[in-house]
Amino acid sequence: MNSKLFVAAVVLFGLGMGPAAAAVSDTTIDALPYSGDYPNPPGSGTSTDYVDLWDSLASEYPTPPAGYFFQTIPVWNDVSNSTAGGVDENLAYHDSVTFTVTGATEGTWSFRIGVDFGYGGALLVDGQALQTQDHDMWWAGSYSNPSQYLAGSIFLSPGTHTLDVYGAENCCDGAIQGQYLEPGATNYSTFAAPEPATWATLLTGFAGLGVLACRRRTVSAA
């Protein structure tokens, strides 16, 4: 087999092997102080209320005060302000993930975000509200009760997209998880950035194949 074709085949196989995954570039979990009540009385909160609440707090606190954190995380699983060593009450949250959709994964994507929001919250993708729940929510590690987590679906074209979650918690801050279901997939995947070690190993393998190909060409020429 021609060495160039062999290397190309290995590249394509390596990039395509295993289940498809969203190309995640950035995931953040941001928390600021909030000791009020629902943005509106229970039963009338909208996604705009939650976005406006966060925007007003972000203007008041350009940087998080002691006990509150802006975190960039590698995996959106089992994370919160309290898991970073911060306070576990009187919190407002803005969680965000930026990811890329390819031509192969164009179509309807579904999302589910397990939260602990005593004052409810909202899920948006590219600024479009997919769901708002303004009651006390605690998913407790299970997606069996739809009233206790945020979810929604949207058609996504190839390109970069942003998912945002806004919410507020009064007491006993719990872990948050963000997951997605690509078109054609049967199981949800947790948002995670690619591990540098994985790419380094893959690129090292490609470099080795290139050296091997050069040596084969040299031997053949001799």
C-alpha atoms as a PDB file:
ATOM      1  CA  MET A   1       0.000   0.000   0.000  1.00  0.00           C
ATOM      2  CA  ASN A   2       1.309   3.476  -0.852  1.00  0.00           C
ATOM      3  CA  SER A   3       2.783   5.005   2.335  1.00  0.00           C
ATOM      4  CA  LYS A   4       0.930   8.319   1.891  1.00  0.00           C
ATOM      5  CA  LEU A   5      -2.375   6.514   1.495  1.00  0.00           C
ATOM      6  CA  PHE A   6      -1.554   4.379   4.526  1.00  0.00           C
ATOM      7  CA  VAL A   7      -0.891   7.441   6.683  1.00  0.00           C
ATOM      8  CA  ALA A   8      -4.051   9.147   5.407  1.00  0.00           C
ATOM      9  CA  ALA A   9      -6.087   6.052   6.203  1.00  0.00           C
ATOM     10  CA  VAL A  10      -4.714   5.919   9.731  1.00  0.00           C
ATOM     11  CA  VAL A  11      -5.522   9.620  10.246  1.00  0.00           C
ATOM     12  CA  LEU A  12      -9.092   9.183   9.070  1.00  0.00           C
ATOM     13  CA  PHE A  13      -9.566   6.050  11.129  1.00  0.00           C
ATOM     14  CA  GLY A  14      -8.066   7.637  14.231  1.00  0.00           C
ATOM     15  CA  LEU A  15     -10.249  10.713  13.998  1.00  0.00           C
ATOM     16  CA  GLY A  16     -13.359   8.697  13.310  1.00  0.00           C
ATOM     17  CA  MET A  17     -13.004   5.849  15.760  1.00  0.00           C
ATOM     18  CA  GLY A  18     -15.230   5.643  18.813  1.00  0.00           C
ATOM     19  CA  PRO A  19     -18.494   7.554  19.419  1.00  0.00           C
ATOM     20  CA  ALA A  20     -18.821  11.026  17.969  1.00  0.00           C
ATOM     21  CA  ALA A  21     -18.173  13.879  20.397  1.00  0.00           C
ATOM     22  CA  ALA A  22     -18.891  17.588  20.394  1.00  0.00           C
ATOM     23  CA  ALA A  23     -15.738  19.617  19.853  1.00  0.00           C
ATOM     24  CA  VAL A  24     -15.801  21.583  23.101  1.00  0.00           C
ATOM     25  CA  SER A  25     -13.560  24.651  23.248  1.00  0.00           C
ATOM     26  CA  ASP A  26     -14.570  26.186  26.576  1.00  0.00           C
ATOM     27  CA  THR A  27     -16.799  25.418  29.564  1.00  0.00           C
ATOM     28  CA  THR A  28     -17.251  27.812  32.470  1.00  0.00           C
ATOM     29  CA  ILE A  29     -19.122  27.702  35.775  1.00  0.00           C
ATOM     30  CA  ASP A  30     -19.551  31.203  37.210  1.00  0.00           C
ATOM     31  CA  ALA A  31     -21.175  32.080  40.542  1.00  0.00           C
ATOM     32  CA  LEU A  32     -21.980  35.393  42.219  1.00  0.00           C
ATOM     33  CA  PRO A  33     -23.806  36.406  45.417  1.00  0.00           C
ATOM     34  CA  TYR A  34     -27.590  36.504  45.264  1.00  0.00           C
ATOM     35  CA  SER A  35     -29.805  36.516  48.322  1.00  0.00           C
ATOM     36  CA  GLY A  36     -33.121  37.577  46.845  1.00  0.00           C
ATOM     37  CA  ASP A  37     -36.066  35.507  45.686  1.00  0.00           C
ATOM     38  CA  TYR A  38     -37.237  34.333  42.266  1.00  0.00           C
ATOM     39  CA  PRO A  39     -36.720  36.964  39.551  1.00  0.00           C
ATOM     40  CA  ASN A  40     -40.510  37.161  39.622  1.00  0.00           C
ATOM     41  CA  PRO A  41     -43.027  35.499  41.956  1.00  0.00           C
ATOM     42  CA  PRO A  42     -42.996  31.688  41.560  1.00  0.00           C
ATOM     43  CA  GLY A  43     -44.797  30.595  38.428  1.00  0.00           C
ATOM     44  CA  SER A  44     -44.026  33.694  36.353  1.00  0.00           C
ATOM     45  CA  GLY A  45     -40.262  33.674  35.806  1.00  0.00           C
ATOM     46  CA  THR A  46     -39.015  33.813  32.216  1.00  0.00           C
ATOM     47  CA  SER A  47     -35.625  33.139  30.636  1.00  0.00           C
ATOM     48  CA  THR A  48     -35.168  36.892  30.250  1.00  0.00           C
ATOM     49  CA  ASP A  49     -35.608  37.333  34.002  1.00  0.00           C
ATOM     50  CA  TYR A  50     -32.755  34.941  34.727  1.00  0.00           C
ATOM     51  CA  VAL A  51     -30.464  36.507  32.117  1.00  0.00           C
ATOM     52  CA  ASP A  52     -31.233  40.003  33.420  1.00  0.00           C
ATOM     53  CA  LEU A  53     -30.627  38.878  36.994  1.00  0.00           C
ATOM     54  CA  TRP A  54     -27.161  37.587  36.093  1.00  0.00           C
ATOM     55  CA  ASP A  55     -26.311  40.641  34.002  1.00  0.00           C
ATOM     56  CA  SER A  56     -27.185  42.965  36.879  1.00  0.00           C
ATOM     57  CA  LEU A  57     -25.052  40.950  39.306  1.00  0.00           C
ATOM     58  CA  ALA A  58     -22.145  40.756  36.833  1.00  0.00           C
ATOM     59  CA  SER A  59     -22.262  44.544  36.590  1.00  0.00           C
ATOM     60  CA  GLU A  60     -22.226  44.820  40.371  1.00  0.00           C
ATOM     61  CA  TYR A  61     -19.418  42.270  40.771  1.00  0.00           C
ATOM     62  CA  PRO A  62     -16.914  42.495  37.852  1.00  0.00           C
ATOM     63  CA  THR A  63     -14.867  39.857  39.681  1.00  0.00           C
ATOM     64  CA  PRO A  64     -16.298  37.289  42.102  1.00  0.00           C
ATOM     65  CA  PRO A  65     -15.951  38.220  45.783  1.00  0.00           C
ATOM     66  CA  ALA A  66     -14.484  35.856  48.392  1.00  0.00           C
ATOM     67  CA  GLY A  67     -16.356  32.546  48.461  1.00  0.00           C
ATOM     68  CA  TYR A  68     -17.550  32.737  44.835  1.00  0.00           C
ATOM     69  CA  PHE A  69     -15.713  31.525  41.743  1.00  0.00           C
ATOM     70  CA  PHE A  70     -15.438  31.853  37.969  1.00  0.00           C
ATOM     71  CA  GLN A  71     -14.240  28.395  36.907  1.00  0.00           C
ATOM     72  CA  THR A  72     -13.054  27.023  33.570  1.00  0.00           C
ATOM     73  CA  ILE A  73     -13.512  23.270  33.793  1.00  0.00           C
ATOM     74  CA  PRO A  74     -12.392  20.299  31.645  1.00  0.00           C
ATOM     75  CA  VAL A  75     -15.533  18.195  32.222  1.00  0.00           C
ATOM     76  CA  TRP A  76     -19.012  19.479  32.975  1.00  0.00           C
ATOM     77  CA  ASN A  77     -19.789  16.915  35.633  1.00  0.00           C
ATOM     78  CA  ASP A  78     -20.156  17.064  39.409  1.00  0.00           C
ATOM     79  CA  VAL A  79     -19.106  20.713  39.633  1.00  0.00           C
ATOM     80  CA  SER A  80     -20.456  23.713  41.499  1.00  0.00           C
ATOM     81  CA  ASN A  81     -19.283  26.720  43.455  1.00  0.00           C
ATOM     82  CA  SER A  82     -19.045  24.613  46.609  1.00  0.00           C
ATOM     83  CA  THR A  83     -16.966  21.876  44.950  1.00  0.00           C
ATOM     84  CA  ALA A  84     -14.414  24.618  44.197  1.00  0.00           C
ATOM     85  CA  GLY A  85     -14.268  25.380  47.911  1.00  0.00           C
ATOM     86  CA  GLY A  86     -16.742  28.244  47.901  1.00  0.00           C
ATOM     87  CA  VAL A  87     -19.960  29.021  49.734  1.00  0.00           C
ATOM     88  CA  ASP A  88     -23.002  26.800  49.225  1.00  0.00           C
ATOM     89  CA  GLU A  89     -25.839  29.298  49.593  1.00  0.00           C
ATOM     90  CA  ASN A  90     -27.100  32.607  48.198  1.00  0.00           C
ATOM     91  CA  LEU A  91     -25.798  31.927  44.693  1.00  0.00           C
ATOM     92  CA  ALA A  92     -26.577  33.044  41.169  1.00  0.00           C
ATOM     93  CA  TYR A  93     -25.139  30.925  38.358  1.00  0.00           C
ATOM     94  CA  HIS A  94     -24.170  31.402  34.740  1.00  0.00           C
ATOM     95  CA  ASP A  95     -22.802  28.202  33.191  1.00  0.00           C
ATOM     96  CA  SER A  96     -21.670  28.253  29.566  1.00  0.00           C
ATOM     97  CA  VAL A  97     -20.153  25.862  27.032  1.00  0.00           C
ATOM     98  CA  THR A  98     -18.877  26.641  23.530  1.00  0.00           C
ATOM     99  CA  PHE A  99     -18.845  23.722  21.088  1.00  0.00           C
ATOM    100  CA  THR A 100     -18.564  23.033  17.380  1.00  0.00           C
ATOM    101  CA  VAL A 101     -21.001  21.198  15.119  1.00  0.00           C
ATOM    102  CA  THR A 102     -19.590  19.589  11.967  1.00  0.00           C
ATOM    103  CA  GLY A 103     -21.331  18.729   8.733  1.00  0.00           C
ATOM    104  CA  ALA A 104     -21.563  15.126   9.901  1.00  0.00           C
ATOM    105  CA  THR A 105     -23.431  16.159  13.066  1.00  0.00           C
ATOM    106  CA  GLU A 106     -25.762  18.778  11.583  1.00  0.00           C
ATOM    107  CA  GLY A 107     -29.316  18.244  12.748  1.00  0.00           C
ATOM    108  CA  THR A 108     -31.371  18.243  15.930  1.00  0.00           C
ATOM    109  CA  TRP A 109     -29.314  18.240  19.113  1.00  0.00           C
ATOM    110  CA  SER A 110     -30.799  17.568  22.537  1.00  0.00           C
ATOM    111  CA  PHE A 111     -29.472  18.804  25.863  1.00  0.00           C
ATOM    112  CA  ARG A 112     -30.111  18.079  29.515  1.00  0.00           C
ATOM    113  CA  ILE A 113     -28.581  19.941  32.437  1.00  0.00           C
ATOM    114  CA  GLY A 114     -28.819  18.505  35.934  1.00  0.00           C
ATOM    115  CA  VAL A 115     -28.982  21.441  38.350  1.00  0.00           C
ATOM    116  CA  ASP A 116     -29.530  22.441  41.960  1.00  0.00           C
ATOM    117  CA  PHE A 117     -31.411  25.716  41.598  1.00  0.00           C
ATOM    118  CA  GLY A 118     -33.694  26.544  44.519  1.00  0.00           C
ATOM    119  CA  TYR A 119     -35.001  29.519  42.561  1.00  0.00           C
ATOM    120  CA  GLY A 120     -35.200  27.761  39.194  1.00  0.00           C
ATOM    121  CA  GLY A 121     -33.303  28.532  36.010  1.00  0.00           C
ATOM    122  CA  ALA A 122     -33.214  28.744  32.218  1.00  0.00           C
ATOM    123  CA  LEU A 123     -31.470  26.928  29.351  1.00  0.00           C
ATOM    124  CA  LEU A 124     -30.537  28.783  26.149  1.00  0.00           C
ATOM    125  CA  VAL A 125     -28.640  27.833  22.996  1.00  0.00           C
ATOM    126  CA  ASP A 126     -27.309  30.637  20.812  1.00  0.00           C
ATOM    127  CA  GLY A 127     -29.507  33.012  22.777  1.00  0.00           C
ATOM    128  CA  GLN A 128     -32.688  31.035  22.102  1.00  0.00           C
ATOM    129  CA  ALA A 129     -34.526  29.864  25.216  1.00  0.00           C
ATOM    130  CA  LEU A 130     -35.152  26.107  25.184  1.00  0.00           C
ATOM    131  CA  GLN A 131     -36.656  25.784  28.653  1.00  0.00           C
ATOM    132  CA  THR A 132     -37.334  27.764  31.818  1.00  0.00           C
ATOM    133  CA  GLN A 133     -38.357  26.262  35.160  1.00  0.00           C
ATOM    134  CA  ASP A 134     -38.919  28.711  37.998  1.00  0.00           C
ATOM    135  CA  HIS A 135     -39.547  26.329  40.883  1.00  0.00           C
ATOM    136  CA  ASP A 136     -37.181  24.623  43.318  1.00  0.00           C
ATOM    137  CA  MET A 137     -35.055  22.155  41.303  1.00  0.00           C
ATOM    138  CA  TRP A 138     -32.692  19.422  42.459  1.00  0.00           C
ATOM    139  CA  TRP A 139     -31.887  16.618  40.009  1.00  0.00           C
ATOM    140  CA  ALA A 140     -30.000  14.559  42.645  1.00  0.00           C
ATOM    141  CA  GLY A 141     -28.000  12.733  39.978  1.00  0.00           C
ATOM    142  CA  SER A 142     -31.075  11.368  38.192  1.00  0.00           C
ATOM    143  CA  TYR A 143     -32.912  12.389  35.024  1.00  0.00           C
ATOM    144  CA  SER A 144     -36.041  10.451  35.956  1.00  0.00           C
ATOM    145  CA  ASN A 145     -38.071  13.569  36.846  1.00  0.00           C
ATOM    146  CA  PRO A 146     -38.201  16.181  34.028  1.00  0.00           C
ATOM    147  CA  SER A 147     -39.312  18.892  36.447  1.00  0.00           C
ATOM    148  CA  GLN A 148     -35.965  18.680  38.222  1.00  0.00           C
ATOM    149  CA  TYR A 149     -33.582  19.418  35.356  1.00  0.00           C
ATOM    150  CA  LEU A 150     -33.361  21.705  32.336  1.00  0.00           C
ATOM    151  CA  ALA A 151     -33.723  20.198  28.864  1.00  0.00           C
ATOM    152  CA  GLY A 152     -34.478  21.034  25.258  1.00  0.00           C
ATOM    153  CA  SER A 153     -33.737  20.351  21.601  1.00  0.00           C
ATOM    154  CA  ILE A 154     -32.731  22.576  18.699  1.00  0.00           C
ATOM    155  CA  PHE A 155     -31.586  22.182  15.073  1.00  0.00           C
ATOM    156  CA  LEU A 156     -27.934  23.172  14.743  1.00  0.00           C
ATOM    157  CA  SER A 157     -26.030  23.880  11.526  1.00  0.00           C
ATOM    158  CA  PRO A 158     -22.256  23.405  11.182  1.00  0.00           C
ATOM    159  CA  GLY A 159     -20.299  26.009  13.108  1.00  0.00           C
ATOM    160  CA  THR A 160     -19.649  27.215  16.645  1.00  0.00           C
ATOM    161  CA  HIS A 161     -22.505  27.334  19.127  1.00  0.00           C
ATOM    162  CA  THR A 162     -22.955  28.412  22.739  1.00  0.00           C
ATOM    163  CA  LEU A 163     -25.140  26.862  25.408  1.00  0.00           C
ATOM    164  CA  ASP A 164     -25.948  28.985  28.461  1.00  0.00           C
ATOM    165  CA  VAL A 165     -27.578  28.065  31.751  1.00  0.00           C
ATOM    166  CA  TYR A 166     -28.761  30.645  34.263  1.00  0.00           C
ATOM    167  CA  GLY A 167     -30.158  29.962  37.717  1.00  0.00           C
ATOM    168  CA  ALA A 168     -30.113  30.772  41.415  1.00  0.00           C
ATOM    169  CA  GLU A 169     -29.732  28.724  44.580  1.00  0.00           C
ATOM    170  CA  ASN A 170     -30.646  29.760  48.091  1.00  0.00           C
ATOM    171  CA  CYS A 171     -29.162  26.909  50.113  1.00  0.00           C
ATOM    172  CA  CYS A 172     -27.164  23.693  49.992  1.00  0.00           C
ATOM    173  CA  ASP A 173     -25.431  24.089  46.630  1.00  0.00           C
ATOM    174  CA  GLY A 174     -25.315  20.778  44.733  1.00  0.00           C
ATOM    175  CA  ALA A 175     -23.375  19.364  41.784  1.00  0.00           C
ATOM    176  CA  ILE A 176     -24.248  20.354  38.206  1.00  0.00           C
ATOM    177  CA  GLN A 177     -23.874  18.255  35.043  1.00  0.00           C
ATOM    178  CA  GLY A 178     -24.225  19.192  31.359  1.00  0.00           C
ATOM    179  CA  GLN A 179     -24.938  16.607  28.648  1.00  0.00           C
ATOM    180  CA  TYR A 180     -25.804  16.500  24.942  1.00  0.00           C
ATOM    181  CA  LEU A 181     -27.283  14.042  22.450  1.00  0.00           C
ATOM    182  CA  GLU A 182     -26.009  14.361  18.892  1.00  0.00           C
ATOM    183  CA  PRO A 183     -28.164  13.534  15.838  1.00  0.00           C
ATOM    184  CA  GLY A 184     -28.219   9.766  15.395  1.00  0.00           C
ATOM    185  CA  ALA A 185     -26.747   9.043  18.830  1.00  0.00           C
ATOM    186  CA  THR A 186     -28.568   6.806  21.302  1.00  0.00           C
ATOM    187  CA  ASN A 187     -26.878   7.874  24.534  1.00  0.00           C
ATOM    188  CA  TYR A 188     -26.171  11.258  26.065  1.00  0.00           C
ATOM    189  CA  SER A 189     -22.542  12.381  26.437  1.00  0.00           C
ATOM    190  CA  THR A 190     -21.114  14.726  29.040  1.00  0.00           C
ATOM    191  CA  PHE A 191     -19.517  17.922  27.746  1.00  0.00           C
ATOM    192  CA  ALA A 192     -15.748  17.572  27.997  1.00  0.00           C
ATOM    193  CA  ALA A 193     -12.779  19.324  26.446  1.00  0.00           C
ATOM    194  CA  PRO A 194     -10.351  17.113  24.491  1.00  0.00           C
ATOM    195  CA  GLU A 195      -7.482  15.902  26.653  1.00  0.00           C
ATOM    196  CA  PRO A 196      -4.107  17.336  25.533  1.00  0.00           C
ATOM    197  CA  ALA A 197      -2.416  14.002  26.268  1.00  0.00           C
ATOM    198  CA  THR A 198      -4.733  12.230  23.838  1.00  0.00           C
ATOM    199  CA  TRP A 199      -3.897  14.620  21.015  1.00  0.00           C
ATOM    200  CA  ALA A 200      -0.204  14.496  21.828  1.00  0.00           C
ATOM    201  CA  THR A 201      -0.209  10.699  21.615  1.00  0.00           C
ATOM    202  CA  LEU A 202      -2.133  10.812  18.342  1.00  0.00           C
ATOM    203  CA  LEU A 203       0.212  13.370  16.775  1.00  0.00           C
ATOM    204  CA  THR A 204       3.269  11.453  17.958  1.00  0.00           C
ATOM    205  CA  GLY A 205       1.900   8.381  16.210  1.00  0.00           C
ATOM    206  CA  PHE A 206       1.382  10.350  13.000  1.00  0.00           C
ATOM    207  CA  ALA A 207       4.957  11.683  13.188  1.00  0.00           C
ATOM    208  CA  GLY A 208       6.256   8.148  13.615  1.00  0.00           C
ATOM    209  CA  LEU A 209       4.308   6.985  10.587  1.00  0.00           C
ATOM    210  CA  GLY A 210       5.775   9.844   8.567  1.00  0.00           C
ATOM    211  CA  VAL A 211       9.315   8.839   9.533  1.00  0.00           C
ATOM    212  CA  LEU A 212       8.550   5.218   8.654  1.00  0.00           C
ATOM    213  CA  ALA A 213       7.235   6.280   5.247  1.00  0.00           C
ATOM    214  CA  CYS A 214      10.394   8.330   4.592  1.00  0.00           C
ATOM    215  CA  ARG A 215      12.614   5.403   5.516  1.00  0.00           C
ATOM    216  CA  ARG A 216      10.678   3.085   3.195  1.00  0.00           C
ATOM    217  CA  ARG A 217      11.094   5.531   0.346  1.00  0.00           C
ATOM    218  CA  THR A 218      14.853   5.806   1.038  1.00  0.00           C
ATOM    219  CA  VAL A 219      15.294   2.037   1.065  1.00  0.00           C
ATOM    220  CA  SER A 220      13.311   1.683  -2.145  1.00  0.00           C
ATOM    221  CA  ALA A 221      15.411   4.363  -3.853  1.00  0.00           C
ATOM    222  CA  ALA A 222      18.603   2.593  -2.820  1.00  0.00           C
END
